[in-house]
Amino acid sequence: MNLDILADPIGTTADGRSITLSMLWPTGAEVDEALALASSAGDFEPAYDAAEASRAWGELDAPTTTLFPWDQRSTYIRRPPFAGFGDGTLLGSYEAHPLLVFGDDITTDHISPAGVIPARGTAGRYLVERGENPADLNVFASRRGIWEVMVRGLFTNKTVRNMLGDIPPGSTIHAPSGEVLPLLDAARRYRAGGRSVVVVAGERYGMGSSRDWAAKGVSLLGARAVLALSFERIHRSNLIGMGVLPLRLRAEFGPERLNLEPGDIVTISASPEEIYPRCPVPVTIRRKDGSSFSFDASAAIETYVEIRTLKAGGILPFILNEVLNSTGKVKRADGDRR
């Protein structure tokens, strides 16, 4: 661990002279020469011809269209809502209901669905209603390409506790009605009512390895921001990639101190024109009894590229718009690009 392999000796010769990595490491020219001796362009064409001549390969049913023909009946791969130009930035000044409130150490393994899909769960019922065998629904990892299943499995880890109430994992309290609903159902009701939602958490939010669906899922639930005492580095970046604003709470305003309840409103002032890396973001908590208090959170944004990503609504809209701008194409009124 203490050895600097670029400068320190890594061994000695028989006569006691030091050997360094530079004495053994091939130069770029030597690598190129070895590659040229080991391969020939003529080696590849026969291999491709043999593969193309394979009867099994030739009998595969495959589309011939330029664009992938998404099958809306598929239970394994469907085009997710975030695969496109999106609906614009989630930044702005708005009032939001807390959809989920957590304590410390909510990992991406708590967030992302994993394991066997239970037939009686929300995701399982969705598949059974579409003709799948309830005794053989496979595991969530095999259904990663169908967002309708994955989003129904979010936060269903049995150790997850939503501090909004004594409710089962994977559910929340829909404040306007007071009903306990699966997360997706509640999120859709909030959206239909023109209401925004946010997620609140404690320390080390987003640790773990199953990261991509943790950020995708929160985005699909409609969360415009995640307010946490601290974020795992990669998950913070992934939230921005989905257009979701990560806000760092001060220690005195963690979830226990905030003590949010269904009916409380979180007001966030994060105008796209005023946001910059690590800037203060005004937050107001308005209790359902009418009382309120305000404080500043900190935008967990590190670069101006991340600012541009958030303003675009996420990494895919950002890239697609960059491509359009570079080719001189424009967005038509009907949403098509030419």
C-alpha atoms as a PDB file:
ATOM      1  CA  MET A   1       0.000   0.000   0.000  1.00  0.00           C
ATOM      2  CA  ASN A   2       2.889   2.365   0.691  1.00  0.00           C
ATOM      3  CA  LEU A   3       4.759   1.607  -2.544  1.00  0.00           C
ATOM      4  CA  ASP A   4       4.786   4.179  -5.351  1.00  0.00           C
ATOM      5  CA  ILE A   5       4.958   1.785  -8.280  1.00  0.00           C
ATOM      6  CA  LEU A   6       5.748   4.598 -10.735  1.00  0.00           C
ATOM      7  CA  ALA A   7       8.938   5.610  -8.931  1.00  0.00           C
ATOM      8  CA  ASP A   8       9.917   3.078  -6.247  1.00  0.00           C
ATOM      9  CA  PRO A   9      11.849  -0.122  -7.072  1.00  0.00           C
ATOM     10  CA  ILE A  10       9.596  -3.151  -7.482  1.00  0.00           C
ATOM     11  CA  GLY A  11      12.421  -5.713  -7.346  1.00  0.00           C
ATOM     12  CA  THR A  12      16.130  -6.287  -7.828  1.00  0.00           C
ATOM     13  CA  THR A  13      18.299  -8.060 -10.383  1.00  0.00           C
ATOM     14  CA  ALA A  14      20.530 -11.009  -9.497  1.00  0.00           C
ATOM     15  CA  ASP A  15      23.455  -8.638  -9.075  1.00  0.00           C
ATOM     16  CA  GLY A  16      21.484  -6.307  -6.767  1.00  0.00           C
ATOM     17  CA  ARG A  17      20.434  -3.533  -9.165  1.00  0.00           C
ATOM     18  CA  SER A  18      17.007  -1.958  -8.589  1.00  0.00           C
ATOM     19  CA  ILE A  19      14.232  -2.684 -11.083  1.00  0.00           C
ATOM     20  CA  THR A  20      11.566  -0.051 -11.705  1.00  0.00           C
ATOM     21  CA  LEU A  21       8.290  -0.381 -13.589  1.00  0.00           C
ATOM     22  CA  SER A  22       9.579   1.837 -16.391  1.00  0.00           C
ATOM     23  CA  MET A  23      12.220  -0.780 -17.155  1.00  0.00           C
ATOM     24  CA  LEU A  24       9.521  -3.425 -17.744  1.00  0.00           C
ATOM     25  CA  TRP A  25       6.566  -1.451 -19.061  1.00  0.00           C
ATOM     26  CA  PRO A  26       6.284  -1.545 -22.896  1.00  0.00           C
ATOM     27  CA  THR A  27       6.172   1.694 -24.831  1.00  0.00           C
ATOM     28  CA  GLY A  28       3.166   2.638 -26.928  1.00  0.00           C
ATOM     29  CA  ALA A  29       5.103   1.799 -30.075  1.00  0.00           C
ATOM     30  CA  GLU A  30       5.938  -1.672 -28.760  1.00  0.00           C
ATOM     31  CA  VAL A  31       2.293  -2.342 -27.949  1.00  0.00           C
ATOM     32  CA  ASP A  32       1.232  -1.232 -31.449  1.00  0.00           C
ATOM     33  CA  GLU A  33       3.898  -3.466 -32.998  1.00  0.00           C
ATOM     34  CA  ALA A  34       2.726  -6.492 -31.005  1.00  0.00           C
ATOM     35  CA  LEU A  35      -0.901  -5.874 -31.986  1.00  0.00           C
ATOM     36  CA  ALA A  36       0.045  -5.571 -35.645  1.00  0.00           C
ATOM     37  CA  LEU A  37       1.891  -8.917 -35.518  1.00  0.00           C
ATOM     38  CA  ALA A  38      -0.976 -10.644 -33.667  1.00  0.00           C
ATOM     39  CA  SER A  39      -3.904  -9.671 -35.896  1.00  0.00           C
ATOM     40  CA  SER A  40      -4.888  -9.100 -39.477  1.00  0.00           C
ATOM     41  CA  ALA A  41      -7.928  -7.442 -41.058  1.00  0.00           C
ATOM     42  CA  GLY A  42      -8.387 -10.637 -43.027  1.00  0.00           C
ATOM     43  CA  ASP A  43      -9.056 -12.533 -39.825  1.00  0.00           C
ATOM     44  CA  PHE A  44     -12.345 -10.772 -39.177  1.00  0.00           C
ATOM     45  CA  GLU A  45     -14.323 -11.067 -42.409  1.00  0.00           C
ATOM     46  CA  PRO A  46     -14.499 -14.889 -42.418  1.00  0.00           C
ATOM     47  CA  ALA A  47     -15.636 -14.890 -38.784  1.00  0.00           C
ATOM     48  CA  TYR A  48     -18.438 -12.435 -39.551  1.00  0.00           C
ATOM     49  CA  ASP A  49     -19.412 -14.394 -42.658  1.00  0.00           C
ATOM     50  CA  ALA A  50     -19.658 -17.582 -40.578  1.00  0.00           C
ATOM     51  CA  ALA A  51     -21.838 -15.835 -38.009  1.00  0.00           C
ATOM     52  CA  GLU A  52     -24.127 -14.421 -40.694  1.00  0.00           C
ATOM     53  CA  ALA A  53     -24.445 -17.875 -42.266  1.00  0.00           C
ATOM     54  CA  SER A  54     -25.671 -19.365 -38.992  1.00  0.00           C
ATOM     55  CA  ARG A  55     -29.136 -20.846 -39.486  1.00  0.00           C
ATOM     56  CA  ALA A  56     -30.119 -20.128 -35.874  1.00  0.00           C
ATOM     57  CA  TRP A  57     -29.079 -16.492 -36.291  1.00  0.00           C
ATOM     58  CA  GLY A  58     -30.909 -16.153 -39.584  1.00  0.00           C
ATOM     59  CA  GLU A  59     -34.156 -17.551 -38.143  1.00  0.00           C
ATOM     60  CA  LEU A  60     -34.296 -15.042 -35.316  1.00  0.00           C
ATOM     61  CA  ASP A  61     -37.331 -12.776 -35.662  1.00  0.00           C
ATOM     62  CA  ALA A  62     -35.938  -9.239 -35.616  1.00  0.00           C
ATOM     63  CA  PRO A  63     -37.352  -5.856 -36.620  1.00  0.00           C
ATOM     64  CA  THR A  64     -36.051  -4.094 -39.721  1.00  0.00           C
ATOM     65  CA  THR A  65     -37.232  -0.595 -38.798  1.00  0.00           C
ATOM     66  CA  THR A  66     -34.826   2.288 -38.202  1.00  0.00           C
ATOM     67  CA  LEU A  67     -36.259   2.946 -34.746  1.00  0.00           C
ATOM     68  CA  PHE A  68     -36.871   0.250 -32.161  1.00  0.00           C
ATOM     69  CA  PRO A  69     -40.545  -0.812 -32.358  1.00  0.00           C
ATOM     70  CA  TRP A  70     -41.577  -0.689 -28.708  1.00  0.00           C
ATOM     71  CA  ASP A  71     -44.216  -3.288 -27.851  1.00  0.00           C
ATOM     72  CA  GLN A  72     -46.677  -1.783 -25.379  1.00  0.00           C
ATOM     73  CA  ARG A  73     -47.797  -5.292 -24.406  1.00  0.00           C
ATOM     74  CA  SER A  74     -44.328  -6.423 -23.374  1.00  0.00           C
ATOM     75  CA  THR A  75     -43.732  -7.290 -19.734  1.00  0.00           C
ATOM     76  CA  TYR A  76     -39.951  -7.171 -20.101  1.00  0.00           C
ATOM     77  CA  ILE A  77     -39.042  -4.037 -22.031  1.00  0.00           C
ATOM     78  CA  ARG A  78     -41.058  -0.864 -22.522  1.00  0.00           C
ATOM     79  CA  ARG A  79     -40.004   2.652 -23.330  1.00  0.00           C
ATOM     80  CA  PRO A  80     -39.776   4.557 -20.010  1.00  0.00           C
ATOM     81  CA  PRO A  81     -41.068   8.133 -19.716  1.00  0.00           C
ATOM     82  CA  PHE A  82     -37.567   9.492 -19.164  1.00  0.00           C
ATOM     83  CA  ALA A  83     -36.284   8.144 -22.520  1.00  0.00           C
ATOM     84  CA  GLY A  84     -36.846  11.297 -24.546  1.00  0.00           C
ATOM     85  CA  PHE A  85     -36.815  15.077 -24.472  1.00  0.00           C
ATOM     86  CA  GLY A  86     -38.782  15.238 -21.224  1.00  0.00           C
ATOM     87  CA  ASP A  87     -41.103  17.959 -20.004  1.00  0.00           C
ATOM     88  CA  GLY A  88     -38.513  20.566 -19.081  1.00  0.00           C
ATOM     89  CA  THR A  89     -36.805  21.481 -15.847  1.00  0.00           C
ATOM     90  CA  LEU A  90     -38.043  20.464 -12.401  1.00  0.00           C
ATOM     91  CA  LEU A  91     -36.381  23.526 -10.915  1.00  0.00           C
ATOM     92  CA  GLY A  92     -38.543  26.423  -9.802  1.00  0.00           C
ATOM     93  CA  SER A  93     -40.409  27.826  -6.847  1.00  0.00           C
ATOM     94  CA  TYR A  94     -43.184  25.525  -5.707  1.00  0.00           C
ATOM     95  CA  GLU A  95     -45.110  23.968  -2.855  1.00  0.00           C
ATOM     96  CA  ALA A  96     -44.760  20.212  -2.396  1.00  0.00           C
ATOM     97  CA  HIS A  97     -46.149  17.407  -0.276  1.00  0.00           C
ATOM     98  CA  PRO A  98     -43.609  15.091   1.370  1.00  0.00           C
ATOM     99  CA  LEU A  99     -44.132  11.755  -0.398  1.00  0.00           C
ATOM    100  CA  LEU A 100     -41.552   9.882   1.682  1.00  0.00           C
ATOM    101  CA  VAL A 101     -39.706  10.814   4.872  1.00  0.00           C
ATOM    102  CA  PHE A 102     -36.813   8.666   6.113  1.00  0.00           C
ATOM    103  CA  GLY A 103     -34.175   8.588   8.815  1.00  0.00           C
ATOM    104  CA  ASP A 104     -30.484   7.817   8.290  1.00  0.00           C
ATOM    105  CA  ASP A 105     -28.808   5.216   6.066  1.00  0.00           C
ATOM    106  CA  ILE A 106     -31.441   4.665   3.402  1.00  0.00           C
ATOM    107  CA  THR A 107     -29.380   2.811   0.814  1.00  0.00           C
ATOM    108  CA  THR A 108     -30.008   2.222  -2.858  1.00  0.00           C
ATOM    109  CA  ASP A 109     -30.747  -1.392  -1.908  1.00  0.00           C
ATOM    110  CA  HIS A 110     -33.610  -0.077   0.229  1.00  0.00           C
ATOM    111  CA  ILE A 111     -34.826   2.052  -2.667  1.00  0.00           C
ATOM    112  CA  SER A 112     -34.395  -0.216  -5.691  1.00  0.00           C
ATOM    113  CA  PRO A 113     -36.551  -3.342  -5.966  1.00  0.00           C
ATOM    114  CA  ALA A 114     -34.659  -6.627  -5.678  1.00  0.00           C
ATOM    115  CA  GLY A 115     -35.277 -10.336  -5.295  1.00  0.00           C
ATOM    116  CA  VAL A 116     -38.240 -12.441  -6.367  1.00  0.00           C
ATOM    117  CA  ILE A 117     -41.338 -10.514  -7.455  1.00  0.00           C
ATOM    118  CA  PRO A 118     -44.121 -11.437  -5.009  1.00  0.00           C
ATOM    119  CA  ALA A 119     -47.395 -12.258  -6.744  1.00  0.00           C
ATOM    120  CA  ARG A 120     -49.407 -10.400  -4.089  1.00  0.00           C
ATOM    121  CA  GLY A 121     -47.307  -7.258  -4.275  1.00  0.00           C
ATOM    122  CA  THR A 122     -48.173  -4.248  -6.407  1.00  0.00           C
ATOM    123  CA  ALA A 123     -45.621  -5.201  -9.079  1.00  0.00           C
ATOM    124  CA  GLY A 124     -46.757  -8.838  -9.067  1.00  0.00           C
ATOM    125  CA  ARG A 125     -50.417  -7.926  -9.464  1.00  0.00           C
ATOM    126  CA  TYR A 126     -49.506  -5.681 -12.392  1.00  0.00           C
ATOM    127  CA  LEU A 127     -47.823  -8.620 -14.159  1.00  0.00           C
ATOM    128  CA  VAL A 128     -50.557 -11.150 -13.344  1.00  0.00           C
ATOM    129  CA  GLU A 129     -53.183  -8.775 -14.739  1.00  0.00           C
ATOM    130  CA  ARG A 130     -51.212  -8.891 -17.998  1.00  0.00           C
ATOM    131  CA  GLY A 131     -51.224 -12.662 -18.260  1.00  0.00           C
ATOM    132  CA  GLU A 132     -48.037 -13.612 -16.431  1.00  0.00           C
ATOM    133  CA  ASN A 133     -47.948 -16.810 -14.357  1.00  0.00           C
ATOM    134  CA  PRO A 134     -48.242 -15.828 -10.668  1.00  0.00           C
ATOM    135  CA  ALA A 135     -46.064 -18.810  -9.735  1.00  0.00           C
ATOM    136  CA  ASP A 136     -43.249 -17.706 -12.049  1.00  0.00           C
ATOM    137  CA  LEU A 137     -42.913 -13.914 -12.124  1.00  0.00           C
ATOM    138  CA  ASN A 138     -39.106 -14.049 -12.099  1.00  0.00           C
ATOM    139  CA  VAL A 139     -36.951 -11.533 -10.191  1.00  0.00           C
ATOM    140  CA  PHE A 140     -36.913  -7.750 -10.379  1.00  0.00           C
ATOM    141  CA  ALA A 141     -33.456  -7.780 -11.994  1.00  0.00           C
ATOM    142  CA  SER A 142     -34.936  -9.608 -15.000  1.00  0.00           C
ATOM    143  CA  ARG A 143     -37.617  -6.916 -15.370  1.00  0.00           C
ATOM    144  CA  ARG A 144     -35.300  -3.908 -15.234  1.00  0.00           C
ATOM    145  CA  GLY A 145     -36.385  -2.983 -18.751  1.00  0.00           C
ATOM    146  CA  ILE A 146     -40.020  -2.436 -17.796  1.00  0.00           C
ATOM    147  CA  TRP A 147     -40.406   0.657 -15.695  1.00  0.00           C
ATOM    148  CA  GLU A 148     -44.025  -0.123 -14.785  1.00  0.00           C
ATOM    149  CA  VAL A 149     -42.814  -3.092 -12.738  1.00  0.00           C
ATOM    150  CA  MET A 150     -39.716  -1.476 -11.254  1.00  0.00           C
ATOM    151  CA  VAL A 151     -41.503   1.654 -10.062  1.00  0.00           C
ATOM    152  CA  ARG A 152     -44.064  -0.549  -8.289  1.00  0.00           C
ATOM    153  CA  GLY A 153     -41.273  -2.266  -6.375  1.00  0.00           C
ATOM    154  CA  LEU A 154     -39.631   0.892  -5.029  1.00  0.00           C
ATOM    155  CA  PHE A 155     -39.050   1.164  -1.268  1.00  0.00           C
ATOM    156  CA  THR A 156     -40.702  -2.223  -0.646  1.00  0.00           C
ATOM    157  CA  ASN A 157     -37.704  -3.507   1.340  1.00  0.00           C
ATOM    158  CA  LYS A 158     -39.232  -4.715   4.608  1.00  0.00           C
ATOM    159  CA  THR A 159     -36.804  -2.633   6.695  1.00  0.00           C
ATOM    160  CA  VAL A 160     -37.864   0.677   5.114  1.00  0.00           C
ATOM    161  CA  ARG A 161     -39.888   2.941   7.396  1.00  0.00           C
ATOM    162  CA  ASN A 162     -41.751   5.918   5.988  1.00  0.00           C
ATOM    163  CA  MET A 163     -41.879   8.363   8.910  1.00  0.00           C
ATOM    164  CA  LEU A 164     -45.163   9.856   7.659  1.00  0.00           C
ATOM    165  CA  GLY A 165     -47.019   7.131   9.565  1.00  0.00           C
ATOM    166  CA  ASP A 166     -47.250   3.514  10.623  1.00  0.00           C
ATOM    167  CA  ILE A 167     -47.675   2.213   7.095  1.00  0.00           C
ATOM    168  CA  PRO A 168     -46.316  -0.736   5.054  1.00  0.00           C
ATOM    169  CA  PRO A 169     -43.089  -0.383   3.037  1.00  0.00           C
ATOM    170  CA  GLY A 170     -43.725   0.832  -0.507  1.00  0.00           C
ATOM    171  CA  SER A 171     -46.655   3.002   0.504  1.00  0.00           C
ATOM    172  CA  THR A 172     -47.439   6.477   1.767  1.00  0.00           C
ATOM    173  CA  ILE A 173     -50.308   8.599   3.034  1.00  0.00           C
ATOM    174  CA  HIS A 174     -52.004  10.683   0.370  1.00  0.00           C
ATOM    175  CA  ALA A 175     -52.486  13.875   2.384  1.00  0.00           C
ATOM    176  CA  PRO A 176     -55.581  15.357   0.665  1.00  0.00           C
ATOM    177  CA  SER A 177     -57.597  12.152   1.168  1.00  0.00           C
ATOM    178  CA  GLY A 178     -55.807  10.640   4.163  1.00  0.00           C
ATOM    179  CA  GLU A 179     -55.679   7.264   2.385  1.00  0.00           C
ATOM    180  CA  VAL A 180     -52.754   4.867   2.650  1.00  0.00           C
ATOM    181  CA  LEU A 181     -51.805   4.080  -0.953  1.00  0.00           C
ATOM    182  CA  PRO A 182     -49.023   2.341  -2.878  1.00  0.00           C
ATOM    183  CA  LEU A 183     -46.406   4.931  -3.801  1.00  0.00           C
ATOM    184  CA  LEU A 184     -47.205   5.003  -7.511  1.00  0.00           C
ATOM    185  CA  ASP A 185     -50.933   5.425  -6.874  1.00  0.00           C
ATOM    186  CA  ALA A 186     -50.309   8.289  -4.453  1.00  0.00           C
ATOM    187  CA  ALA A 187     -47.804   9.917  -6.815  1.00  0.00           C
ATOM    188  CA  ARG A 188     -50.294   9.768  -9.679  1.00  0.00           C
ATOM    189  CA  ARG A 189     -53.019  11.312  -7.538  1.00  0.00           C
ATOM    190  CA  TYR A 190     -50.742  14.170  -6.543  1.00  0.00           C
ATOM    191  CA  ARG A 191     -49.813  14.730 -10.182  1.00  0.00           C
ATOM    192  CA  ALA A 192     -53.440  14.616 -11.328  1.00  0.00           C
ATOM    193  CA  GLY A 193     -54.210  17.265  -8.709  1.00  0.00           C
ATOM    194  CA  GLY A 194     -51.387  19.497  -9.949  1.00  0.00           C
ATOM    195  CA  ARG A 195     -49.386  18.988  -6.752  1.00  0.00           C
ATOM    196  CA  SER A 196     -45.610  18.529  -6.474  1.00  0.00           C
ATOM    197  CA  VAL A 197     -43.889  16.017  -4.184  1.00  0.00           C
ATOM    198  CA  VAL A 198     -40.469  15.742  -2.534  1.00  0.00           C
ATOM    199  CA  VAL A 199     -38.496  13.129  -0.587  1.00  0.00           C
ATOM    200  CA  VAL A 200     -36.862  13.904   2.790  1.00  0.00           C
ATOM    201  CA  ALA A 201     -34.093  11.811   4.370  1.00  0.00           C
ATOM    202  CA  GLY A 202     -31.294  11.790   6.927  1.00  0.00           C
ATOM    203  CA  GLU A 203     -27.586  11.041   6.661  1.00  0.00           C
ATOM    204  CA  ARG A 204     -25.895   9.039   3.897  1.00  0.00           C
ATOM    205  CA  TYR A 205     -28.916   8.835   1.628  1.00  0.00           C
ATOM    206  CA  GLY A 206     -28.259   6.683  -1.435  1.00  0.00           C
ATOM    207  CA  MET A 207     -25.385   4.471  -0.300  1.00  0.00           C
ATOM    208  CA  GLY A 208     -25.023   1.105  -2.012  1.00  0.00           C
ATOM    209  CA  SER A 209     -24.565  -0.424  -5.427  1.00  0.00           C
ATOM    210  CA  SER A 210     -28.028  -0.694  -7.068  1.00  0.00           C
ATOM    211  CA  ARG A 211     -27.914   2.964  -7.997  1.00  0.00           C
ATOM    212  CA  ASP A 212     -29.490   3.537 -11.383  1.00  0.00           C
ATOM    213  CA  TRP A 213     -33.055   2.537 -10.528  1.00  0.00           C
ATOM    214  CA  ALA A 214     -32.846   4.337  -7.191  1.00  0.00           C
ATOM    215  CA  ALA A 215     -32.604   7.655  -9.048  1.00  0.00           C
ATOM    216  CA  LYS A 216     -34.884   6.637 -11.927  1.00  0.00           C
ATOM    217  CA  GLY A 217     -37.552   5.473  -9.522  1.00  0.00           C
ATOM    218  CA  VAL A 218     -37.638   8.669  -7.473  1.00  0.00           C
ATOM    219  CA  SER A 219     -37.927  10.615 -10.714  1.00  0.00           C
ATOM    220  CA  LEU A 220     -40.784   8.415 -11.973  1.00  0.00           C
ATOM    221  CA  LEU A 221     -42.633   9.052  -8.702  1.00  0.00           C
ATOM    222  CA  GLY A 222     -42.544  12.736  -9.617  1.00  0.00           C
ATOM    223  CA  ALA A 223     -40.177  13.963  -6.896  1.00  0.00           C
ATOM    224  CA  ARG A 224     -38.806  17.387  -7.823  1.00  0.00           C
ATOM    225  CA  ALA A 225     -36.215  17.394  -5.043  1.00  0.00           C
ATOM    226  CA  VAL A 226     -34.648  15.169  -2.407  1.00  0.00           C
ATOM    227  CA  LEU A 227     -33.785  16.920   0.851  1.00  0.00           C
ATOM    228  CA  ALA A 228     -31.227  14.990   2.937  1.00  0.00           C
ATOM    229  CA  LEU A 229     -28.605  15.641   5.584  1.00  0.00           C
ATOM    230  CA  SER A 230     -26.000  14.062   3.291  1.00  0.00           C
ATOM    231  CA  PHE A 231     -25.849  12.125   0.013  1.00  0.00           C
ATOM    232  CA  GLU A 232     -23.729   9.294  -1.291  1.00  0.00           C
ATOM    233  CA  ARG A 233     -21.566  10.808  -4.030  1.00  0.00           C
ATOM    234  CA  ILE A 234     -22.693   8.765  -7.050  1.00  0.00           C
ATOM    235  CA  HIS A 235     -26.362   8.736  -6.106  1.00  0.00           C
ATOM    236  CA  ARG A 236     -26.276  12.532  -5.772  1.00  0.00           C
ATOM    237  CA  SER A 237     -24.958  12.706  -9.332  1.00  0.00           C
ATOM    238  CA  ASN A 238     -27.566  10.212 -10.559  1.00  0.00           C
ATOM    239  CA  LEU A 239     -30.401  12.276  -9.090  1.00  0.00           C
ATOM    240  CA  ILE A 240     -29.160  15.274 -11.066  1.00  0.00           C
ATOM    241  CA  GLY A 241     -28.958  13.042 -14.127  1.00  0.00           C
ATOM    242  CA  MET A 242     -32.690  12.433 -13.722  1.00  0.00           C
ATOM    243  CA  GLY A 243     -33.377  16.159 -13.268  1.00  0.00           C
ATOM    244  CA  VAL A 244     -34.077  15.826  -9.516  1.00  0.00           C
ATOM    245  CA  LEU A 245     -32.541  18.544  -7.313  1.00  0.00           C
ATOM    246  CA  PRO A 246     -30.557  17.218  -4.317  1.00  0.00           C
ATOM    247  CA  LEU A 247     -30.722  19.618  -1.355  1.00  0.00           C
ATOM    248  CA  ARG A 248     -28.413  19.270   1.631  1.00  0.00           C
ATOM    249  CA  LEU A 249     -30.130  20.011   4.939  1.00  0.00           C
ATOM    250  CA  ARG A 250     -28.337  21.615   7.872  1.00  0.00           C
ATOM    251  CA  ALA A 251     -27.824  19.349  10.885  1.00  0.00           C
ATOM    252  CA  GLU A 252     -30.459  21.153  12.938  1.00  0.00           C
ATOM    253  CA  PHE A 253     -33.099  20.551  10.243  1.00  0.00           C
ATOM    254  CA  GLY A 254     -32.928  16.787   9.797  1.00  0.00           C
ATOM    255  CA  PRO A 255     -36.072  14.678   9.379  1.00  0.00           C
ATOM    256  CA  GLU A 256     -36.528  14.181  13.144  1.00  0.00           C
ATOM    257  CA  ARG A 257     -36.400  17.940  13.737  1.00  0.00           C
ATOM    258  CA  LEU A 258     -38.709  18.649  10.809  1.00  0.00           C
ATOM    259  CA  ASN A 259     -41.175  16.019  12.087  1.00  0.00           C
ATOM    260  CA  LEU A 260     -43.213  16.180   8.902  1.00  0.00           C
ATOM    261  CA  GLU A 261     -46.764  14.878   8.884  1.00  0.00           C
ATOM    262  CA  PRO A 262     -49.298  14.281   6.101  1.00  0.00           C
ATOM    263  CA  GLY A 263     -50.750  17.668   5.231  1.00  0.00           C
ATOM    264  CA  ASP A 264     -47.552  19.612   5.914  1.00  0.00           C
ATOM    265  CA  ILE A 265     -46.270  21.565   2.912  1.00  0.00           C
ATOM    266  CA  VAL A 266     -42.640  22.063   1.871  1.00  0.00           C
ATOM    267  CA  THR A 267     -42.050  25.247  -0.126  1.00  0.00           C
ATOM    268  CA  ILE A 268     -38.825  25.371  -2.149  1.00  0.00           C
ATOM    269  CA  SER A 269     -37.427  28.396  -3.978  1.00  0.00           C
ATOM    270  CA  ALA A 270     -35.006  27.054  -6.576  1.00  0.00           C
ATOM    271  CA  SER A 271     -35.452  29.270  -9.617  1.00  0.00           C
ATOM    272  CA  PRO A 272     -33.407  28.134 -12.665  1.00  0.00           C
ATOM    273  CA  GLU A 273     -32.132  31.709 -13.036  1.00  0.00           C
ATOM    274  CA  GLU A 274     -30.792  31.840  -9.474  1.00  0.00           C
ATOM    275  CA  ILE A 275     -29.380  28.361  -8.945  1.00  0.00           C
ATOM    276  CA  TYR A 276     -25.598  27.800  -8.830  1.00  0.00           C
ATOM    277  CA  PRO A 277     -23.249  25.215  -7.267  1.00  0.00           C
ATOM    278  CA  ARG A 278     -23.700  24.925  -3.484  1.00  0.00           C
ATOM    279  CA  CYS A 279     -25.992  27.950  -3.373  1.00  0.00           C
ATOM    280  CA  PRO A 280     -28.419  28.476  -0.492  1.00  0.00           C
ATOM    281  CA  VAL A 281     -31.976  27.441  -1.340  1.00  0.00           C
ATOM    282  CA  PRO A 282     -34.799  28.880   0.801  1.00  0.00           C
ATOM    283  CA  VAL A 283     -37.114  26.239   2.260  1.00  0.00           C
ATOM    284  CA  THR A 284     -40.298  26.871   4.241  1.00  0.00           C
ATOM    285  CA  ILE A 285     -42.249  24.262   6.194  1.00  0.00           C
ATOM    286  CA  ARG A 286     -45.923  25.112   6.595  1.00  0.00           C
ATOM    287  CA  ARG A 287     -47.705  22.926   9.091  1.00  0.00           C
ATOM    288  CA  LYS A 288     -51.267  21.825   8.504  1.00  0.00           C
ATOM    289  CA  ASP A 289     -52.221  23.872  11.584  1.00  0.00           C
ATOM    290  CA  GLY A 290     -51.070  27.033   9.777  1.00  0.00           C
ATOM    291  CA  SER A 291     -47.764  27.586  11.610  1.00  0.00           C
ATOM    292  CA  SER A 292     -44.542  27.771   9.603  1.00  0.00           C
ATOM    293  CA  PHE A 293     -40.794  28.225   9.795  1.00  0.00           C
ATOM    294  CA  SER A 294     -38.067  28.793   7.205  1.00  0.00           C
ATOM    295  CA  PHE A 295     -34.424  27.933   6.715  1.00  0.00           C
ATOM    296  CA  ASP A 296     -31.829  27.627   3.964  1.00  0.00           C
ATOM    297  CA  ALA A 297     -30.784  24.298   2.508  1.00  0.00           C
ATOM    298  CA  SER A 298     -27.732  23.978   0.268  1.00  0.00           C
ATOM    299  CA  ALA A 299     -27.921  22.881  -3.358  1.00  0.00           C
ATOM    300  CA  ALA A 300     -25.851  19.684  -3.571  1.00  0.00           C
ATOM    301  CA  ILE A 301     -24.565  20.719  -6.992  1.00  0.00           C
ATOM    302  CA  GLU A 302     -20.855  20.699  -7.768  1.00  0.00           C
ATOM    303  CA  THR A 303     -20.445  21.932 -11.352  1.00  0.00           C
ATOM    304  CA  TYR A 304     -22.070  24.197 -13.911  1.00  0.00           C
ATOM    305  CA  VAL A 305     -22.562  21.190 -16.198  1.00  0.00           C
ATOM    306  CA  GLU A 306     -24.833  19.810 -13.472  1.00  0.00           C
ATOM    307  CA  ILE A 307     -26.686  23.131 -13.495  1.00  0.00           C
ATOM    308  CA  ARG A 308     -27.219  22.803 -17.240  1.00  0.00           C
ATOM    309  CA  THR A 309     -28.389  19.210 -16.765  1.00  0.00           C
ATOM    310  CA  LEU A 310     -30.973  20.271 -14.177  1.00  0.00           C
ATOM    311  CA  LYS A 311     -32.164  23.122 -16.376  1.00  0.00           C
ATOM    312  CA  ALA A 312     -32.660  20.672 -19.255  1.00  0.00           C
ATOM    313  CA  GLY A 313     -34.670  18.304 -17.074  1.00  0.00           C
ATOM    314  CA  GLY A 314     -32.062  15.531 -16.886  1.00  0.00           C
ATOM    315  CA  ILE A 315     -29.125  14.031 -18.726  1.00  0.00           C
ATOM    316  CA  LEU A 316     -31.101  12.551 -21.652  1.00  0.00           C
ATOM    317  CA  PRO A 317     -32.931  15.784 -22.510  1.00  0.00           C
ATOM    318  CA  PHE A 318     -29.623  17.613 -22.070  1.00  0.00           C
ATOM    319  CA  ILE A 319     -27.804  15.336 -24.548  1.00  0.00           C
ATOM    320  CA  LEU A 320     -30.660  15.243 -27.058  1.00  0.00           C
ATOM    321  CA  ASN A 321     -30.994  19.014 -27.079  1.00  0.00           C
ATOM    322  CA  GLU A 322     -27.223  19.387 -27.448  1.00  0.00           C
ATOM    323  CA  VAL A 323     -27.364  17.122 -30.506  1.00  0.00           C
ATOM    324  CA  LEU A 324     -30.257  19.104 -31.981  1.00  0.00           C
ATOM    325  CA  ASN A 325     -28.470  22.387 -31.409  1.00  0.00           C
ATOM    326  CA  SER A 326     -25.296  21.080 -33.027  1.00  0.00           C
ATOM    327  CA  THR A 327     -27.177  19.918 -36.140  1.00  0.00           C
ATOM    328  CA  GLY A 328     -29.368  23.008 -36.438  1.00  0.00           C
ATOM    329  CA  LYS A 329     -32.585  21.036 -36.019  1.00  0.00           C
ATOM    330  CA  VAL A 330     -35.494  22.569 -34.155  1.00  0.00           C
ATOM    331  CA  LYS A 331     -38.442  21.323 -32.142  1.00  0.00           C
ATOM    332  CA  ARG A 332     -41.718  21.537 -34.053  1.00  0.00           C
ATOM    333  CA  ALA A 333     -44.975  22.587 -32.461  1.00  0.00           C
ATOM    334  CA  ASP A 334     -46.211  18.968 -32.521  1.00  0.00           C
ATOM    335  CA  GLY A 335     -43.187  17.850 -30.515  1.00  0.00           C
ATOM    336  CA  ASP A 336     -41.382  16.191 -33.429  1.00  0.00           C
ATOM    337  CA  ARG A 337     -37.799  17.157 -34.279  1.00  0.00           C
ATOM    338  CA  ARG A 338     -36.637  17.966 -37.785  1.00  0.00           C
END
